[in-house]
């Protein structure tokens, strides 16, 4: 999700109900707030302002998309 934070307004606020599930000692309870959070994230990820079709004529930028592992994102004009 870190790579989406650059193009998704208020992502940290939207992710908060899900982040609460990862608190040490917290009981895992999937509720309406977590479900709403996931649905909102799905909408953000599928918006045209974030995703774009590949254009072979446009310069590609390869970005590291992982803090601890293997992951990358291809960008064209700042879009994935």
PDB file of N, CA and C in Angstrom:
ATOM      1  N   UNK A   1       0.800  -1.206   0.000  1.00  0.00           N
ATOM      2  CA  UNK A   1       0.000   0.000   0.000  1.00  0.00           C
ATOM      3  C   UNK A   1       0.843   1.270   0.000  1.00  0.00           C
ATOM      4  N   UNK A   2       2.113   1.141   0.386  1.00  0.00           N
ATOM      5  CA  UNK A   2       2.943   2.342   0.434  1.00  0.00           C
ATOM      6  C   UNK A   2       3.060   3.018  -0.916  1.00  0.00           C
ATOM      7  N   UNK A   3       3.157   2.239  -1.999  1.00  0.00           N
ATOM      8  CA  UNK A   3       3.284   2.861  -3.312  1.00  0.00           C
ATOM      9  C   UNK A   3       1.995   3.557  -3.736  1.00  0.00           C
ATOM     10  N   UNK A   4       0.861   3.183  -3.176  1.00  0.00           N
ATOM     11  CA  UNK A   4      -0.404   3.843  -3.500  1.00  0.00           C
ATOM     12  C   UNK A   4      -0.611   5.138  -2.732  1.00  0.00           C
ATOM     13  N   UNK A   5       0.107   5.308  -1.622  1.00  0.00           N
ATOM     14  CA  UNK A   5      -0.110   6.492  -0.793  1.00  0.00           C
ATOM     15  C   UNK A   5       0.229   7.778  -1.538  1.00  0.00           C
ATOM     16  N   UNK A   6       1.113   7.714  -2.523  1.00  0.00           N
ATOM     17  CA  UNK A   6       1.486   8.896  -3.290  1.00  0.00           C
ATOM     18  C   UNK A   6       0.350   9.390  -4.180  1.00  0.00           C
ATOM     19  N   UNK A   7      -0.505   8.480  -4.602  1.00  0.00           N
ATOM     20  CA  UNK A   7      -1.566   8.845  -5.538  1.00  0.00           C
ATOM     21  C   UNK A   7      -2.964   8.674  -4.951  1.00  0.00           C
ATOM     22  N   UNK A   8      -3.041   8.284  -3.693  1.00  0.00           N
ATOM     23  CA  UNK A   8      -4.336   8.055  -3.048  1.00  0.00           C
ATOM     24  C   UNK A   8      -4.503   9.003  -1.867  1.00  0.00           C
ATOM     25  N   UNK A   9      -5.382   9.975  -1.992  1.00  0.00           N
ATOM     26  CA  UNK A   9      -5.585  10.909  -0.890  1.00  0.00           C
ATOM     27  C   UNK A   9      -6.165  10.203   0.335  1.00  0.00           C
ATOM     28  N   UNK A  10      -5.663  10.541   1.499  1.00  0.00           N
ATOM     29  CA  UNK A  10      -6.165  10.025   2.785  1.00  0.00           C
ATOM     30  C   UNK A  10      -6.046   8.516   2.939  1.00  0.00           C
ATOM     31  N   UNK A  11      -5.083   7.889   2.283  1.00  0.00           N
ATOM     32  CA  UNK A  11      -4.949   6.437   2.375  1.00  0.00           C
ATOM     33  C   UNK A  11      -4.717   5.980   3.807  1.00  0.00           C
ATOM     34  N   UNK A  12      -3.893   6.696   4.565  1.00  0.00           N
ATOM     35  CA  UNK A  12      -3.633   6.277   5.944  1.00  0.00           C
ATOM     36  C   UNK A  12      -4.907   6.329   6.778  1.00  0.00           C
ATOM     37  N   UNK A  13      -5.742   7.309   6.543  1.00  0.00           N
ATOM     38  CA  UNK A  13      -7.020   7.404   7.262  1.00  0.00           C
ATOM     39  C   UNK A  13      -7.958   6.260   6.863  1.00  0.00           C
ATOM     40  N   UNK A  14      -7.993   5.938   5.587  1.00  0.00           N
ATOM     41  CA  UNK A  14      -8.845   4.859   5.095  1.00  0.00           C
ATOM     42  C   UNK A  14      -8.368   3.502   5.628  1.00  0.00           C
ATOM     43  N   UNK A  15      -7.048   3.331   5.744  1.00  0.00           N
ATOM     44  CA  UNK A  15      -6.465   2.067   6.201  1.00  0.00           C
ATOM     45  C   UNK A  15      -6.560   1.846   7.718  1.00  0.00           C
ATOM     46  N   UNK A  16      -6.880   2.862   8.485  1.00  0.00           N
ATOM     47  CA  UNK A  16      -6.847   2.757   9.946  1.00  0.00           C
ATOM     48  C   UNK A  16      -7.648   1.580  10.509  1.00  0.00           C
ATOM     49  N   UNK A  17      -8.880   1.318  10.078  1.00  0.00           N
ATOM     50  CA  UNK A  17      -9.601   0.157  10.631  1.00  0.00           C
ATOM     51  C   UNK A  17      -8.885  -1.171  10.394  1.00  0.00           C
ATOM     52  N   UNK A  18      -8.185  -1.288   9.286  1.00  0.00           N
ATOM     53  CA  UNK A  18      -7.447  -2.516   8.998  1.00  0.00           C
ATOM     54  C   UNK A  18      -6.172  -2.563   9.832  1.00  0.00           C
ATOM     55  N   UNK A  19      -5.520  -1.415   9.972  1.00  0.00           N
ATOM     56  CA  UNK A  19      -4.299  -1.340  10.768  1.00  0.00           C
ATOM     57  C   UNK A  19      -4.570  -1.703  12.232  1.00  0.00           C
ATOM     58  N   UNK A  20      -5.751  -1.414  12.727  1.00  0.00           N
ATOM     59  CA  UNK A  20      -6.113  -1.754  14.109  1.00  0.00           C
ATOM     60  C   UNK A  20      -6.055  -3.262  14.347  1.00  0.00           C
ATOM     61  N   UNK A  21      -6.265  -4.047  13.309  1.00  0.00           N
ATOM     62  CA  UNK A  21      -6.213  -5.500  13.438  1.00  0.00           C
ATOM     63  C   UNK A  21      -4.794  -6.020  13.645  1.00  0.00           C
ATOM     64  N   UNK A  22      -3.803  -5.202  13.343  1.00  0.00           N
ATOM     65  CA  UNK A  22      -2.411  -5.638  13.445  1.00  0.00           C
ATOM     66  C   UNK A  22      -1.736  -5.198  14.743  1.00  0.00           C
ATOM     67  N   UNK A  23      -2.462  -4.494  15.593  1.00  0.00           N
ATOM     68  CA  UNK A  23      -1.902  -4.048  16.872  1.00  0.00           C
ATOM     69  C   UNK A  23      -1.601  -5.267  17.733  1.00  0.00           C
ATOM     70  N   UNK A  24      -0.424  -5.265  18.340  1.00  0.00           N
ATOM     71  CA  UNK A  24      -0.003  -6.385  19.181  1.00  0.00           C
ATOM     72  C   UNK A  24      -1.016  -6.623  20.311  1.00  0.00           C
ATOM     73  N   UNK A  25      -1.518  -7.826  20.392  1.00  0.00           N
ATOM     74  CA  UNK A  25      -2.475  -8.204  21.426  1.00  0.00           C
ATOM     75  C   UNK A  25      -3.929  -7.924  21.082  1.00  0.00           C
ATOM     76  N   UNK A  26      -4.167  -7.295  19.928  1.00  0.00           N
ATOM     77  CA  UNK A  26      -5.548  -6.988  19.537  1.00  0.00           C
ATOM     78  C   UNK A  26      -6.250  -8.253  19.063  1.00  0.00           C
ATOM     79  N   UNK A  27      -7.511  -8.377  19.443  1.00  0.00           N
ATOM     80  CA  UNK A  27      -8.314  -9.499  18.979  1.00  0.00           C
ATOM     81  C   UNK A  27      -8.750  -9.219  17.540  1.00  0.00           C
ATOM     82  N   UNK A  28      -8.606 -10.231  16.684  1.00  0.00           N
ATOM     83  CA  UNK A  28      -8.975 -10.058  15.285  1.00  0.00           C
ATOM     84  C   UNK A  28     -10.481 -10.156  15.157  1.00  0.00           C
ATOM     85  N   UNK A  29     -11.105  -9.033  14.832  1.00  0.00           N
ATOM     86  CA  UNK A  29     -12.552  -9.001  14.593  1.00  0.00           C
ATOM     87  C   UNK A  29     -12.800  -8.197  13.331  1.00  0.00           C
ATOM     88  N   UNK A  30     -13.262  -8.876  12.291  1.00  0.00           N
ATOM     89  CA  UNK A  30     -13.564  -8.230  11.024  1.00  0.00           C
ATOM     90  C   UNK A  30     -14.978  -7.677  11.108  1.00  0.00           C
ATOM     91  N   UNK A  31     -15.091  -6.363  11.059  1.00  0.00           N
ATOM     92  CA  UNK A  31     -16.402  -5.732  11.195  1.00  0.00           C
ATOM     93  C   UNK A  31     -16.722  -4.839  10.012  1.00  0.00           C
ATOM     94  N   UNK A  32     -17.771  -4.054  10.187  1.00  0.00           N
ATOM     95  CA  UNK A  32     -18.222  -3.166   9.114  1.00  0.00           C
ATOM     96  C   UNK A  32     -17.186  -2.113   8.747  1.00  0.00           C
ATOM     97  N   UNK A  33     -16.440  -1.609   9.741  1.00  0.00           N
ATOM     98  CA  UNK A  33     -15.451  -0.579   9.435  1.00  0.00           C
ATOM     99  C   UNK A  33     -14.313  -1.139   8.573  1.00  0.00           C
ATOM    100  N   UNK A  34     -13.894  -2.378   8.830  1.00  0.00           N
ATOM    101  CA  UNK A  34     -12.854  -3.000   8.020  1.00  0.00           C
ATOM    102  C   UNK A  34     -13.374  -3.291   6.607  1.00  0.00           C
ATOM    103  N   UNK A  35     -14.597  -3.770   6.531  1.00  0.00           N
ATOM    104  CA  UNK A  35     -15.198  -4.054   5.227  1.00  0.00           C
ATOM    105  C   UNK A  35     -15.318  -2.770   4.408  1.00  0.00           C
ATOM    106  N   UNK A  36     -15.755  -1.697   5.033  1.00  0.00           N
ATOM    107  CA  UNK A  36     -15.875  -0.412   4.335  1.00  0.00           C
ATOM    108  C   UNK A  36     -14.513   0.084   3.878  1.00  0.00           C
ATOM    109  N   UNK A  37     -13.516  -0.110   4.721  1.00  0.00           N
ATOM    110  CA  UNK A  37     -12.157   0.296   4.387  1.00  0.00           C
ATOM    111  C   UNK A  37     -11.664  -0.427   3.138  1.00  0.00           C
ATOM    112  N   UNK A  38     -11.839  -1.736   3.091  1.00  0.00           N
ATOM    113  CA  UNK A  38     -11.421  -2.523   1.929  1.00  0.00           C
ATOM    114  C   UNK A  38     -12.156  -2.068   0.668  1.00  0.00           C
ATOM    115  N   UNK A  39     -13.447  -1.833   0.769  1.00  0.00           N
ATOM    116  CA  UNK A  39     -14.227  -1.407  -0.391  1.00  0.00           C
ATOM    117  C   UNK A  39     -13.735  -0.055  -0.911  1.00  0.00           C
ATOM    118  N   UNK A  40     -13.404   0.857   0.002  1.00  0.00           N
ATOM    119  CA  UNK A  40     -12.920   2.167  -0.408  1.00  0.00           C
ATOM    120  C   UNK A  40     -11.540   2.065  -1.066  1.00  0.00           C
ATOM    121  N   UNK A  41     -10.710   1.176  -0.541  1.00  0.00           N
ATOM    122  CA  UNK A  41      -9.385   0.964  -1.130  1.00  0.00           C
ATOM    123  C   UNK A  41      -9.521   0.384  -2.539  1.00  0.00           C
ATOM    124  N   UNK A  42     -10.456  -0.542  -2.721  1.00  0.00           N
ATOM    125  CA  UNK A  42     -10.693  -1.107  -4.054  1.00  0.00           C
ATOM    126  C   UNK A  42     -11.066  -0.013  -5.046  1.00  0.00           C
ATOM    127  N   UNK A  43     -11.908   0.921  -4.611  1.00  0.00           N
ATOM    128  CA  UNK A  43     -12.299   2.017  -5.493  1.00  0.00           C
ATOM    129  C   UNK A  43     -11.109   2.894  -5.848  1.00  0.00           C
ATOM    130  N   UNK A  44     -10.265   3.195  -4.852  1.00  0.00           N
ATOM    131  CA  UNK A  44      -9.084   4.017  -5.108  1.00  0.00           C
ATOM    132  C   UNK A  44      -8.143   3.356  -6.103  1.00  0.00           C
ATOM    133  N   UNK A  45      -7.940   2.063  -5.945  1.00  0.00           N
ATOM    134  CA  UNK A  45      -6.987   1.338  -6.785  1.00  0.00           C
ATOM    135  C   UNK A  45      -7.473   1.246  -8.227  1.00  0.00           C
ATOM    136  N   UNK A  46      -8.763   1.191  -8.427  1.00  0.00           N
ATOM    137  CA  UNK A  46      -9.294   1.012  -9.773  1.00  0.00           C
ATOM    138  C   UNK A  46      -9.643   2.329 -10.475  1.00  0.00           C
ATOM    139  N   UNK A  47      -9.435   3.447  -9.818  1.00  0.00           N
ATOM    140  CA  UNK A  47      -9.724   4.741 -10.442  1.00  0.00           C
ATOM    141  C   UNK A  47      -8.757   5.006 -11.588  1.00  0.00           C
ATOM    142  N   UNK A  48      -9.256   5.650 -12.600  1.00  0.00           N
ATOM    143  CA  UNK A  48      -8.433   5.954 -13.774  1.00  0.00           C
ATOM    144  C   UNK A  48      -7.270   6.880 -13.453  1.00  0.00           C
ATOM    145  N   UNK A  49      -7.369   7.679 -12.393  1.00  0.00           N
ATOM    146  CA  UNK A  49      -6.282   8.598 -12.064  1.00  0.00           C
ATOM    147  C   UNK A  49      -5.055   7.859 -11.536  1.00  0.00           C
ATOM    148  N   UNK A  50      -5.206   6.602 -11.150  1.00  0.00           N
ATOM    149  CA  UNK A  50      -4.091   5.826 -10.622  1.00  0.00           C
ATOM    150  C   UNK A  50      -3.546   4.875 -11.682  1.00  0.00           C
ATOM    151  N   UNK A  51      -4.425   4.179 -12.361  1.00  0.00           N
ATOM    152  CA  UNK A  51      -4.013   3.167 -13.337  1.00  0.00           C
ATOM    153  C   UNK A  51      -4.095   3.729 -14.745  1.00  0.00           C
ATOM    154  N   UNK A  52      -3.244   3.201 -15.609  1.00  0.00           N
ATOM    155  CA  UNK A  52      -3.263   3.635 -16.995  1.00  0.00           C
ATOM    156  C   UNK A  52      -2.855   2.471 -17.900  1.00  0.00           C
ATOM    157  N   UNK A  53      -3.182   2.566 -19.170  1.00  0.00           N
ATOM    158  CA  UNK A  53      -2.764   1.560 -20.136  1.00  0.00           C
ATOM    159  C   UNK A  53      -1.306   1.805 -20.515  1.00  0.00           C
ATOM    160  N   UNK A  54      -0.611   0.732 -20.814  1.00  0.00           N
ATOM    161  CA  UNK A  54       0.785   0.826 -21.227  1.00  0.00           C
ATOM    162  C   UNK A  54       0.896   1.513 -22.574  1.00  0.00           C
ATOM    163  N   UNK A  55       1.797   2.458 -22.658  1.00  0.00           N
ATOM    164  CA  UNK A  55       2.071   3.170 -23.898  1.00  0.00           C
ATOM    165  C   UNK A  55       3.536   2.945 -24.253  1.00  0.00           C
ATOM    166  N   UNK A  56       3.824   2.185 -25.314  1.00  0.00           N
ATOM    167  CA  UNK A  56       5.213   1.883 -25.657  1.00  0.00           C
ATOM    168  C   UNK A  56       6.033   3.128 -26.029  1.00  0.00           C
ATOM    169  N   UNK A  57       5.383   4.239 -26.303  1.00  0.00           N
ATOM    170  CA  UNK A  57       6.084   5.469 -26.674  1.00  0.00           C
ATOM    171  C   UNK A  57       6.454   6.330 -25.461  1.00  0.00           C
ATOM    172  N   UNK A  58       5.926   5.986 -24.286  1.00  0.00           N
ATOM    173  CA  UNK A  58       6.161   6.775 -23.075  1.00  0.00           C
ATOM    174  C   UNK A  58       7.249   6.133 -22.224  1.00  0.00           C
ATOM    175  N   UNK A  59       8.083   6.970 -21.628  1.00  0.00           N
ATOM    176  CA  UNK A  59       9.187   6.518 -20.781  1.00  0.00           C
ATOM    177  C   UNK A  59       8.657   5.734 -19.573  1.00  0.00           C
ATOM    178  N   UNK A  60       9.329   4.620 -19.261  1.00  0.00           N
ATOM    179  CA  UNK A  60       8.988   3.797 -18.092  1.00  0.00           C
ATOM    180  C   UNK A  60       9.901   4.145 -16.927  1.00  0.00           C
ATOM    181  N   UNK A  61       9.346   4.134 -15.728  1.00  0.00           N
ATOM    182  CA  UNK A  61      10.125   4.299 -14.507  1.00  0.00           C
ATOM    183  C   UNK A  61       9.842   3.086 -13.633  1.00  0.00           C
ATOM    184  N   UNK A  62      10.899   2.410 -13.194  1.00  0.00           N
ATOM    185  CA  UNK A  62      10.778   1.251 -12.310  1.00  0.00           C
ATOM    186  C   UNK A  62      11.031   1.718 -10.885  1.00  0.00           C
ATOM    187  N   UNK A  63      10.045   1.506  -9.992  1.00  0.00           N
ATOM    188  CA  UNK A  63      10.144   1.957  -8.604  1.00  0.00           C
ATOM    189  C   UNK A  63      10.130   0.766  -7.661  1.00  0.00           C
ATOM    190  N   UNK A  64      10.915   0.856  -6.607  1.00  0.00           N
ATOM    191  CA  UNK A  64      10.896  -0.153  -5.546  1.00  0.00           C
ATOM    192  C   UNK A  64       9.565  -0.023  -4.810  1.00  0.00           C
ATOM    193  N   UNK A  65       8.843  -1.116  -4.649  1.00  0.00           N
ATOM    194  CA  UNK A  65       7.521  -1.079  -4.018  1.00  0.00           C
ATOM    195  C   UNK A  65       7.475  -1.950  -2.771  1.00  0.00           C
ATOM    196  N   UNK A  66       8.622  -2.214  -2.172  1.00  0.00           N
ATOM    197  CA  UNK A  66       8.640  -3.072  -1.000  1.00  0.00           C
ATOM    198  C   UNK A  66       9.723  -2.605  -0.037  1.00  0.00           C
ATOM    199  N   UNK A  67       9.372  -2.538   1.243  1.00  0.00           N
ATOM    200  CA  UNK A  67      10.358  -2.187   2.258  1.00  0.00           C
ATOM    201  C   UNK A  67      11.183  -3.388   2.684  1.00  0.00           C
ATOM    202  N   UNK A  68      10.620  -4.576   2.549  1.00  0.00           N
ATOM    203  CA  UNK A  68      11.323  -5.778   3.034  1.00  0.00           C
ATOM    204  C   UNK A  68      10.972  -6.982   2.173  1.00  0.00           C
ATOM    205  N   UNK A  69      11.452  -7.002   0.989  1.00  0.00           N
ATOM    206  CA  UNK A  69      11.175  -8.125   0.096  1.00  0.00           C
ATOM    207  C   UNK A  69      11.344  -7.675  -1.337  1.00  0.00           C
ATOM    208  N   UNK A  70      10.783  -8.435  -2.237  1.00  0.00           N
ATOM    209  CA  UNK A  70      10.877  -8.117  -3.655  1.00  0.00           C
ATOM    210  C   UNK A  70       9.548  -7.549  -4.112  1.00  0.00           C
ATOM    211  N   UNK A  71       9.605  -6.425  -4.738  1.00  0.00           N
ATOM    212  CA  UNK A  71       8.395  -5.825  -5.260  1.00  0.00           C
ATOM    213  C   UNK A  71       8.760  -4.596  -6.068  1.00  0.00           C
ATOM    214  N   UNK A  72       8.041  -4.358  -7.124  1.00  0.00           N
ATOM    215  CA  UNK A  72       8.336  -3.221  -7.965  1.00  0.00           C
ATOM    216  C   UNK A  72       7.053  -2.716  -8.624  1.00  0.00           C
ATOM    217  N   UNK A  73       7.096  -1.472  -9.037  1.00  0.00           N
ATOM    218  CA  UNK A  73       5.986  -0.860  -9.741  1.00  0.00           C
ATOM    219  C   UNK A  73       6.529  -0.156 -10.975  1.00  0.00           C
ATOM    220  N   UNK A  74       5.853  -0.322 -12.087  1.00  0.00           N
ATOM    221  CA  UNK A  74       6.205   0.409 -13.305  1.00  0.00           C
ATOM    222  C   UNK A  74       5.317   1.631 -13.396  1.00  0.00           C
ATOM    223  N   UNK A  75       5.925   2.773 -13.640  1.00  0.00           N
ATOM    224  CA  UNK A  75       5.173   4.017 -13.778  1.00  0.00           C
ATOM    225  C   UNK A  75       5.388   4.621 -15.146  1.00  0.00           C
ATOM    226  N   UNK A  76       4.332   5.202 -15.673  1.00  0.00           N
ATOM    227  CA  UNK A  76       4.395   6.023 -16.881  1.00  0.00           C
ATOM    228  C   UNK A  76       3.609   7.281 -16.578  1.00  0.00           C
ATOM    229  N   UNK A  77       4.249   8.428 -16.728  1.00  0.00           N
ATOM    230  CA  UNK A  77       3.608   9.708 -16.406  1.00  0.00           C
ATOM    231  C   UNK A  77       3.039   9.719 -14.993  1.00  0.00           C
ATOM    232  N   UNK A  78       3.736   9.078 -14.043  1.00  0.00           N
ATOM    233  CA  UNK A  78       3.308   9.072 -12.648  1.00  0.00           C
ATOM    234  C   UNK A  78       2.151   8.148 -12.357  1.00  0.00           C
ATOM    235  N   UNK A  79       1.749   7.325 -13.315  1.00  0.00           N
ATOM    236  CA  UNK A  79       0.640   6.404 -13.118  1.00  0.00           C
ATOM    237  C   UNK A  79       1.145   4.972 -13.226  1.00  0.00           C
ATOM    238  N   UNK A  80       0.447   4.065 -12.553  1.00  0.00           N
ATOM    239  CA  UNK A  80       0.836   2.660 -12.554  1.00  0.00           C
ATOM    240  C   UNK A  80       0.171   1.936 -13.693  1.00  0.00           C
TER     241      UNK A  80
END
